[in-house]
Amino acid sequence: MSQASNGLRPPFPPESEMQRFNEVAARLVDRQFYQLGYPFDQNLNLTGFYEWLVTTGLNRLTLINVSDPYKTTWDMLNTDEFECKTLDFLAESFGFGKDAVGERSHWGFITSGGTDGNMHGVYFGRKVLAAKSPLPPILYVSSEAHYSVQKLGDVQNIETRVIRSHPMGAMDVDDLRCQLDPTRPVMVVIAIGGTFKGAIDDQRAVAAVLDEVNPVAVYKHLDVALFGGYLPWLDDPQAREVVDESVMQFDSLAVSGHKFYALNEPAGAFLCRKEVLASLHAMQVPYLNGAIPTISCSRSGFDALKFYWRIAVTGAEGFRAEAKHILEMTDLLVSELRRRGVEPLVNRWSNTVCFPRPADDVVHEYSMACTVCPYFGPLSHVVVMQFFTPELITRLADRIASPR
């Protein structure tokens, strides 16, 4: 029997390869706190998780979750229990309650990231609307929502109408009213945190327009990405309402796991009302023991473990403290920039701070995201996350304000 077949593969590559691994690791760790243009927490501590994997022997297993995580019969190795725990925790934070008989009112699964979640929002929405009308739906999304939505409309061959955005990035509902076709089913994707300016689309205004135009059928999907991580934990009840299903009556949402929830690789969750799943008519696959509602087949069983580990370690109070810290550091960055003569742009409840694009060496030093805005000209932004400190903000504001 070979070493490989006996589970005795060498633990490390040859020394010639290890040198390059170590060089790259050193370079990445050295740049740990210089990636500020993208919404990742760069001060993770998953040491306990990885030690636990080795101690338990799970590091030697392949773990794949398949189909509905809430299924009750499945013999293959899986971490469905922890996937469901994660989904139930998130669903509670998003205001999903109980149905008429006291059962959970939500369904979902852990995704490979935000785009995967949006893909299922568009797919589920299309299937639900098809059950209500024989006419093909139209997908409506703002110009400053995540680019994945327009791409997914193309992938799923759905007519897509891009709605104009206000200068600060939120959907222009007057343009939505003009573009809505009342004879066709409506699928509207609402951005809870636009990609560059961090704007939140006004759901109440969108709902008012939909009521006014009264299309034949409506499906509302929220892309809550980063903001859906911290908005539920803020003290401000108006902020929490933005992502509260019981208040806003949306059909589904996609939240990222590698942003506020601080996983160290792409992951996320898709959640919808249970009635949405009931309308899906999922494909039956006998050898997988039932219906398969997801587009993706295999999912990482380790993501479920890691996501719930993060929840169990941090808890609701920990997430509240992290959310509070993020917005406190955002306010500090805004005030420090203004004190140095730099006027920032920041939306309500947003941790994304935009400012006139600084010198190229500053942009590259801090891995800032950049764009050219027709209203404000060349802009850069940084996304304030859990690892930000007053010292980092002072240094960053000095560099942004430094002469070209």
Foldseek 3Di string as FASTA:
>chain_A
DDCVVVLNDPPDDPPVVVVVVVVVVVVCVVLLQQAFADFFDSPDDCVVVVVVCVVVVVVSDAEWDFFFLPDDDDDDHFQSVLQVVLVVVLLVLLAFAADPVRHTQKGKGKFQALLQQLLLLVVLFQLLQVVQDVAGEEEEEEPQADPSNVVSCVVVVHHYDYAYADLLGEGDVVSVLVPDDQAHEYEYEWECQGDANTDGYDLVSNVVSCVVSVHSHYAYEYECEQVSQQQSLEPDVVSSLSSHCVNRVHFKYKYWCRGQVRDPHTMTMIMGGVVSQVSNPFDADVVRPGGGRGPDGIDGSVVSVVSSVSCVVQDSVNSNVFSVVLVVVLVVLQVLLVVLVWHWRHDPSAQKIKTAAADPVLCVSNVWDWDQRPVPGIMTIGGRGSPDDSVNSNVNSCRRSDHD
